[in-house]
Amino acid sequence: MRLSDDRISHIAHLIADGIWRDDLIDFTKEKQALISIKEIISNYLSVEDHADTVARHTIQSLSKDVPEGSREWDILYRKYFEEELAKKNF
């Protein structure tokens, strides 16, 4: 699922505010911290998008036709999706 830059920015601010409020980290450079949080979110979403593409392609390439939305498709999708995330150490 792709998120807009505004949504990613909003989530990054929520994370930074929560970390600061819970006194887990004192940011010396808040702007740099927000940039790093945004990069981490974007990178994760990129890996997730890739895993989604691979899982869908793998299901489509099966010799047996598995209709999307079926229970079997959901099980296969989750399996291939999680395998791809594991390859990326997520």
Protein backbone atom coordinates (compact mmCIF):
# COMPACT_ATOMS: atom_id res chain seq x y z
CA MET A 1 0.00 0.00 0.00
CA ARG A 2 1.44 3.31 -1.01
CA LEU A 3 1.10 6.27 1.31
CA SER A 4 1.37 9.87 0.24
CA ASP A 5 4.33 11.94 1.40
CA ASP A 6 1.96 13.90 3.64
CA ARG A 7 0.76 10.75 5.38
CA ILE A 8 4.31 9.48 5.83
CA SER A 9 5.28 12.86 7.25
CA HIS A 10 2.32 12.81 9.63
CA ILE A 11 3.20 9.31 10.84
CA ALA A 12 6.84 10.35 11.28
CA HIS A 13 5.77 13.29 13.43
CA LEU A 14 3.54 11.04 15.54
CA ILE A 15 6.41 8.61 16.09
CA ALA A 16 8.89 11.38 16.94
CA ASP A 17 6.40 13.01 19.32
CA GLY A 18 5.72 9.68 21.03
CA ILE A 19 9.41 8.91 21.45
CA TRP A 20 10.05 12.37 22.86
CA ARG A 21 6.95 12.35 25.11
CA ASP A 22 7.89 8.94 26.56
CA ASP A 23 11.39 10.33 27.18
CA LEU A 24 13.05 7.56 25.21
CA ILE A 25 15.32 9.84 23.20
CA ASP A 26 16.29 13.49 23.31
CA PHE A 27 16.64 14.73 19.75
CA THR A 28 19.54 17.08 19.20
CA LYS A 29 18.46 17.62 15.61
CA GLU A 30 14.70 17.12 15.33
CA LYS A 31 14.65 17.79 11.59
CA GLN A 32 17.26 15.09 10.95
CA ALA A 33 15.34 12.67 13.19
CA LEU A 34 12.16 13.25 11.17
CA ILE A 35 14.03 12.71 7.92
CA SER A 36 15.43 9.41 9.25
CA ILE A 37 12.01 8.23 10.43
CA LYS A 38 10.49 9.08 7.04
CA GLU A 39 13.25 7.12 5.26
CA ILE A 40 12.66 4.09 7.45
CA ILE A 41 8.92 4.17 6.78
CA SER A 42 9.45 4.61 3.03
CA ASN A 43 12.00 1.80 2.89
CA TYR A 44 9.68 -0.57 4.73
CA LEU A 45 6.79 0.28 2.42
CA SER A 46 9.03 -0.31 -0.58
CA VAL A 47 9.99 -3.78 0.70
CA GLU A 48 6.35 -4.52 1.44
CA ASP A 49 5.31 -3.45 -2.08
CA HIS A 50 7.98 -5.69 -3.58
CA ALA A 51 6.84 -8.64 -1.45
CA ASP A 52 3.26 -8.03 -2.60
CA THR A 53 4.32 -8.03 -6.25
CA VAL A 54 6.36 -11.22 -5.85
CA ALA A 55 3.56 -13.02 -3.99
CA ARG A 56 0.98 -12.10 -6.63
CA HIS A 57 3.29 -13.08 -9.49
CA THR A 58 4.08 -16.42 -7.84
CA ILE A 59 0.38 -17.24 -7.44
CA GLN A 60 -0.35 -16.26 -11.04
CA SER A 61 2.48 -18.46 -12.30
CA LEU A 62 1.09 -21.61 -10.67
CA SER A 63 -0.16 -24.26 -13.06
CA LYS A 64 -3.43 -24.34 -11.12
CA ASP A 65 -5.70 -21.32 -11.45
CA VAL A 66 -6.33 -19.90 -7.98
CA PRO A 67 -8.96 -17.13 -7.98
CA GLU A 68 -8.05 -14.03 -6.01
CA GLY A 69 -10.17 -13.66 -2.91
CA SER A 70 -10.55 -17.38 -2.37
CA ARG A 71 -9.37 -18.95 0.86
CA GLU A 72 -6.64 -20.83 -1.00
CA TRP A 73 -5.42 -17.60 -2.64
CA ASP A 74 -5.31 -15.85 0.75
CA ILE A 75 -3.27 -18.68 2.28
CA LEU A 76 -0.83 -18.79 -0.64
CA TYR A 77 -0.53 -15.01 -0.71
CA ARG A 78 0.32 -14.84 3.00
CA LYS A 79 2.84 -17.67 2.61
CA TYR A 80 4.67 -16.13 -0.36
CA PHE A 81 4.43 -12.61 1.08
CA GLU A 82 5.96 -13.68 4.40
CA GLU A 83 8.67 -15.70 2.62
CA GLU A 84 9.66 -12.62 0.64
CA LEU A 85 9.75 -10.44 3.77
CA ALA A 86 11.91 -13.06 5.48
CA LYS A 87 14.39 -12.88 2.57
CA LYS A 88 14.67 -9.15 3.26
CA ASN A 89 15.06 -9.78 7.03
CA PHE A 90 11.73 -8.19 7.95
